[in-house]
Amino acid sequence: KEEWEGEYFQLLASDPGLPRELLPDDWLFERARQLFKSLRK
């Protein structure tokens, strides 16, 4: 559990915080957020 949490927080740290329309189509942040949310249940 701690390993994937650490990876998720690394992803958060690398997120530029740009509006969605400025991000590439293959930006995985939203998918990662949904996966993290489902794993924490």
Protein backbone atom coordinates (compact mmCIF):
# COMPACT_ATOMS: atom_id res chain seq x y z
CA LYS A 1 0.00 0.00 0.00
CA GLU A 2 2.69 2.50 0.94
CA GLU A 3 4.51 1.94 -2.37
CA TRP A 4 1.61 2.96 -4.61
CA GLU A 5 0.74 5.83 -2.30
CA GLY A 6 4.28 7.13 -2.65
CA GLU A 7 4.11 6.84 -6.43
CA TYR A 8 0.79 8.67 -6.49
CA PHE A 9 2.19 11.53 -4.42
CA GLN A 10 5.18 11.73 -6.77
CA LEU A 11 2.71 12.09 -9.63
CA LEU A 12 0.93 14.86 -7.73
CA ALA A 13 4.24 16.67 -7.26
CA SER A 14 4.96 16.47 -11.01
CA ASP A 15 1.54 17.83 -12.00
CA PRO A 16 2.04 21.29 -13.51
CA GLY A 17 -1.43 22.39 -12.40
CA LEU A 18 -2.37 23.56 -15.88
CA PRO A 19 -5.98 23.78 -17.04
CA ARG A 20 -7.16 20.51 -18.60
CA GLU A 21 -7.37 22.01 -22.09
CA LEU A 22 -3.63 22.78 -22.00
CA LEU A 23 -2.60 19.26 -21.00
CA PRO A 24 -1.80 16.54 -23.54
CA ASP A 25 -4.59 14.09 -24.37
CA ASP A 26 -2.65 11.24 -22.77
CA TRP A 27 -2.12 13.05 -19.43
CA LEU A 28 -2.76 10.35 -16.81
CA PHE A 29 -3.44 12.49 -13.75
CA GLU A 30 -7.23 12.08 -13.73
CA ARG A 31 -6.99 8.34 -14.33
CA ALA A 32 -4.41 8.02 -11.55
CA ARG A 33 -6.60 10.07 -9.20
CA GLN A 34 -9.58 7.80 -9.83
CA LEU A 35 -7.47 4.66 -9.34
CA PHE A 36 -5.98 6.00 -6.11
CA LYS A 37 -9.44 6.88 -4.83
CA SER A 38 -10.74 3.36 -5.56
CA LEU A 39 -7.71 1.70 -3.92
CA ARG A 40 -8.13 3.68 -0.70
CA LYS A 41 -11.64 2.30 -0.11
